[in-house]
Amino acid sequence: MEKDSQKTINNRLAPCVSHAVGVSEGPKWYVAFVSNNTEKSSRDKLLKRGYAVYLPVKTEFVKWKDGRCKEREHILMPNILFIRITEAERKVLVAFPFIRAFMTDMARAKEGNRHPFAVVPEAQIETLKYMLGQSEINVEMEGLSIAVGEKVRVIRGVLQGLVGMICTTTKGEKVGIRIDGLGYACVNINKRDLETVKQWN
């Protein structure tokens, strides 16, 4: 990873605190539901059609009984794909047989006779990609009911510059990055590697 200035890193990684919205002009990250064990094949089909797709996975190595090691992608959010499309493209994709539905934002008021479709801010997608790109750390997905606490910044280690919120206190600190409508991507970080921040950059 190229050495960016601290300000550039913070600006790129700071989570965007915004609600999911529905129709908008340009492409946005929509949340699509697919069937069990079809996440990778569905991703590949969409990529071949030229769509921007993100499947949150963590690469891990599994040791077989004969001693060989095999690389495997562990899916962080089963049944979910993030697809960067326009509302017009979403209407086309929803007819694809491998797309079950698109997530709606039940917390928002109905527009007409339905709730608007959920959209995840670009900053949250980029932050998740950054976290999962670090092979040394273990990322876990926590539910929406997680207790949100103090805002912190990672000041050392592979996640230096990452801004998030304290989720729980154990041997270290569990820092979570909110993914709108889905929960928190969390990592355990030693409290010595954190500093508090008064506001998002």
Protein backbone atom coordinates (compact mmCIF):
# COMPACT_ATOMS: atom_id res chain seq x y z
CA MET A 1 0.00 0.00 0.00
CA GLU A 2 1.37 3.40 -0.97
CA LYS A 3 2.28 5.76 1.82
CA ASP A 4 -0.44 8.37 2.02
CA SER A 5 -0.50 11.33 4.33
CA GLN A 6 -2.38 10.75 7.59
CA LYS A 7 -5.04 13.24 6.53
CA THR A 8 -5.61 11.42 3.22
CA ILE A 9 -5.94 8.07 5.01
CA ASN A 10 -8.41 9.48 7.51
CA ASN A 11 -10.51 11.13 4.82
CA ARG A 12 -10.64 7.90 2.85
CA LEU A 13 -11.51 5.67 5.77
CA ALA A 14 -13.83 7.80 7.91
CA PRO A 15 -17.27 6.10 7.90
CA CYS A 16 -20.08 8.08 6.39
CA VAL A 17 -22.89 8.49 8.92
CA SER A 18 -25.93 8.60 6.67
CA HIS A 19 -29.18 6.73 6.24
CA ALA A 20 -29.90 4.42 3.36
CA VAL A 21 -31.84 6.08 0.61
CA GLY A 22 -33.77 5.04 -2.46
CA VAL A 23 -33.68 6.40 -5.99
CA SER A 24 -30.84 8.76 -6.93
CA GLU A 25 -29.15 9.99 -10.10
CA GLY A 26 -25.84 8.12 -10.25
CA PRO A 27 -24.77 4.58 -9.37
CA LYS A 28 -24.95 3.58 -5.70
CA TRP A 29 -24.07 0.46 -3.70
CA TYR A 30 -27.30 -1.55 -3.44
CA VAL A 31 -27.58 -4.71 -1.33
CA ALA A 32 -28.72 -7.80 -3.23
CA PHE A 33 -29.82 -11.10 -1.68
CA VAL A 34 -28.76 -14.38 -3.31
CA SER A 35 -29.30 -18.02 -2.36
CA ASN A 36 -27.05 -19.99 0.00
CA ASN A 37 -23.71 -21.04 -1.51
CA THR A 38 -24.27 -19.01 -4.70
CA GLU A 39 -22.50 -15.83 -3.58
CA LYS A 40 -19.32 -16.46 -5.60
CA SER A 41 -21.04 -17.75 -8.73
CA SER A 42 -23.52 -14.85 -8.65
CA ARG A 43 -20.64 -12.40 -8.23
CA ASP A 44 -18.81 -13.92 -11.18
CA LYS A 45 -21.89 -13.80 -13.42
CA LEU A 46 -22.38 -10.11 -12.68
CA LEU A 47 -18.69 -9.32 -13.20
CA LYS A 48 -18.80 -11.00 -16.62
CA ARG A 49 -21.71 -8.72 -17.51
CA GLY A 50 -19.61 -5.67 -16.59
CA TYR A 51 -21.20 -4.74 -13.25
CA ALA A 52 -19.23 -3.45 -10.26
CA VAL A 53 -19.75 -6.09 -7.55
CA TYR A 54 -18.27 -6.54 -4.10
CA LEU A 55 -18.46 -9.76 -2.10
CA PRO A 56 -16.82 -9.31 1.35
CA VAL A 57 -14.48 -12.28 1.74
CA LYS A 58 -11.42 -13.05 3.82
CA THR A 59 -8.72 -15.26 2.33
CA GLU A 60 -7.59 -18.04 4.66
CA PHE A 61 -5.43 -21.13 4.33
CA VAL A 62 -6.82 -24.54 5.23
CA LYS A 63 -4.48 -27.45 5.92
CA TRP A 64 -5.60 -30.81 4.50
CA LYS A 65 -4.98 -34.16 6.20
CA ASP A 66 -2.17 -34.97 3.76
CA GLY A 67 -0.33 -31.81 4.82
CA ARG A 68 -1.15 -29.69 1.79
CA CYS A 69 -2.45 -26.16 2.29
CA LYS A 70 -5.34 -24.81 0.24
CA GLU A 71 -6.35 -21.16 -0.11
CA ARG A 72 -10.03 -20.52 0.58
CA GLU A 73 -12.30 -17.47 0.58
CA HIS A 74 -14.36 -17.14 3.75
CA ILE A 75 -17.58 -15.21 3.09
CA LEU A 76 -18.17 -12.56 5.76
CA MET A 77 -21.83 -11.86 4.94
CA PRO A 78 -23.65 -14.95 3.60
CA ASN A 79 -26.38 -14.43 0.97
CA ILE A 80 -25.33 -10.82 0.28
CA LEU A 81 -23.71 -9.01 -2.64
CA PHE A 82 -23.02 -5.29 -2.92
CA ILE A 83 -23.67 -4.04 -6.46
CA ARG A 84 -22.85 -0.52 -7.65
CA ILE A 85 -25.64 0.36 -10.06
CA THR A 86 -28.24 2.96 -10.92
CA GLU A 87 -31.91 2.57 -10.04
CA ALA A 88 -32.63 1.80 -13.71
CA GLU A 89 -30.01 -0.99 -13.65
CA ARG A 90 -31.44 -2.34 -10.39
CA LYS A 91 -34.80 -2.81 -12.11
CA VAL A 92 -33.06 -4.93 -14.74
CA LEU A 93 -31.01 -6.98 -12.28
CA VAL A 94 -33.94 -7.88 -10.06
CA ALA A 95 -35.24 -10.03 -12.93
CA PHE A 96 -32.05 -12.12 -13.03
CA PRO A 97 -32.81 -15.65 -11.74
CA PHE A 98 -29.91 -15.66 -9.27
CA ILE A 99 -30.94 -12.35 -7.62
CA ARG A 100 -33.61 -13.06 -5.01
CA ALA A 101 -34.34 -9.46 -4.01
CA PHE A 102 -32.82 -6.12 -3.05
CA MET A 103 -32.73 -4.97 0.57
CA THR A 104 -35.20 -2.26 1.56
CA ASP A 105 -34.66 0.21 4.39
CA MET A 106 -37.50 -0.57 6.79
CA ALA A 107 -36.45 2.29 9.08
CA ARG A 108 -37.29 4.89 6.45
CA ALA A 109 -40.76 6.16 5.66
CA LYS A 110 -42.54 4.58 2.73
CA GLU A 111 -42.33 6.23 -0.65
CA GLY A 112 -45.70 5.51 -2.19
CA ASN A 113 -46.60 2.00 -1.11
CA ARG A 114 -43.13 0.68 -0.22
CA HIS A 115 -40.00 1.49 1.73
CA PRO A 116 -37.02 2.84 -0.26
CA PHE A 117 -34.25 0.48 -1.25
CA ALA A 118 -31.21 0.44 1.04
CA VAL A 119 -28.01 2.02 -0.21
CA VAL A 120 -24.63 1.67 1.53
CA PRO A 121 -22.39 4.79 1.43
CA GLU A 122 -19.24 4.50 -0.69
CA ALA A 123 -17.03 5.30 2.34
CA GLN A 124 -18.34 2.28 4.24
CA ILE A 125 -17.66 -0.05 1.30
CA GLU A 126 -14.11 1.30 0.93
CA THR A 127 -13.46 0.94 4.67
CA LEU A 128 -14.65 -2.66 4.64
CA LYS A 129 -12.43 -3.43 1.64
CA TYR A 130 -9.48 -1.91 3.49
CA MET A 131 -10.10 -3.97 6.62
CA LEU A 132 -10.49 -7.22 4.71
CA GLY A 133 -7.39 -6.49 2.66
CA GLN A 134 -5.19 -6.96 5.73
CA SER A 135 -4.35 -10.66 5.94
CA GLU A 136 -3.03 -10.35 9.52
CA ILE A 137 -6.38 -9.47 11.12
CA ASN A 138 -9.56 -11.37 11.80
CA VAL A 139 -12.74 -9.49 10.88
CA GLU A 140 -16.09 -10.55 12.36
CA MET A 141 -19.58 -9.36 11.56
CA GLU A 142 -21.70 -8.28 14.55
CA GLY A 143 -25.44 -7.57 14.69
CA LEU A 144 -27.08 -4.16 14.61
CA SER A 145 -27.85 -4.33 18.34
CA ILE A 146 -24.18 -3.90 19.24
CA ALA A 147 -23.47 -1.24 21.88
CA VAL A 148 -21.79 1.77 20.29
CA GLY A 149 -19.37 3.75 22.40
CA GLU A 150 -16.33 5.97 22.08
CA LYS A 151 -15.01 7.04 18.68
CA VAL A 152 -11.38 6.03 18.12
CA ARG A 153 -8.59 6.05 15.54
CA VAL A 154 -6.00 3.29 15.07
CA ILE A 155 -2.54 4.89 15.38
CA ARG A 156 -0.27 1.84 14.86
CA GLY A 157 -0.26 -1.45 13.00
CA VAL A 158 -1.69 -2.61 9.69
CA LEU A 159 -4.95 -0.71 10.26
CA GLN A 160 -3.29 2.62 11.08
CA GLY A 161 -5.63 5.47 10.16
CA LEU A 162 -8.83 3.45 10.50
CA VAL A 163 -11.60 5.33 12.34
CA GLY A 164 -14.39 3.46 14.10
CA MET A 165 -16.28 3.01 17.34
CA ILE A 166 -15.56 0.94 20.44
CA CYS A 167 -17.95 -2.01 20.49
CA THR A 168 -16.86 -4.04 23.52
CA THR A 169 -14.00 -4.13 25.98
CA THR A 170 -12.24 -7.48 26.38
CA LYS A 171 -8.50 -8.13 26.57
CA GLY A 172 -8.08 -5.35 24.05
CA GLU A 173 -10.66 -3.22 22.32
CA LYS A 174 -13.12 -4.38 19.67
CA VAL A 175 -13.50 -1.64 17.07
CA GLY A 176 -16.50 -1.70 14.76
CA ILE A 177 -17.20 -0.04 11.42
CA ARG A 178 -20.92 0.31 10.73
CA ILE A 179 -22.32 -1.01 7.46
CA ASP A 180 -25.74 0.61 7.10
CA GLY A 181 -28.60 -1.84 7.48
CA LEU A 182 -26.34 -4.86 8.07
CA GLY A 183 -24.37 -4.42 11.28
CA TYR A 184 -20.71 -3.86 12.18
CA ALA A 185 -17.47 -5.27 10.80
CA CYS A 186 -15.35 -5.66 13.95
CA VAL A 187 -11.71 -6.31 14.78
CA ASN A 188 -9.87 -6.72 18.09
CA ILE A 189 -7.23 -4.05 18.62
CA ASN A 190 -4.97 -3.41 21.60
CA LYS A 191 -6.03 -0.23 23.41
CA ARG A 192 -2.41 1.01 23.26
CA ASP A 193 -2.85 1.29 19.48
CA LEU A 194 -5.90 3.57 19.75
CA GLU A 195 -6.56 7.25 20.34
CA THR A 196 -9.91 8.90 20.90
CA VAL A 197 -11.36 11.32 18.37
CA LYS A 198 -13.95 13.99 19.08
CA GLN A 199 -15.51 13.94 15.63
CA TRP A 200 -15.22 12.22 12.26
CA ASN A 201 -12.80 13.87 9.85
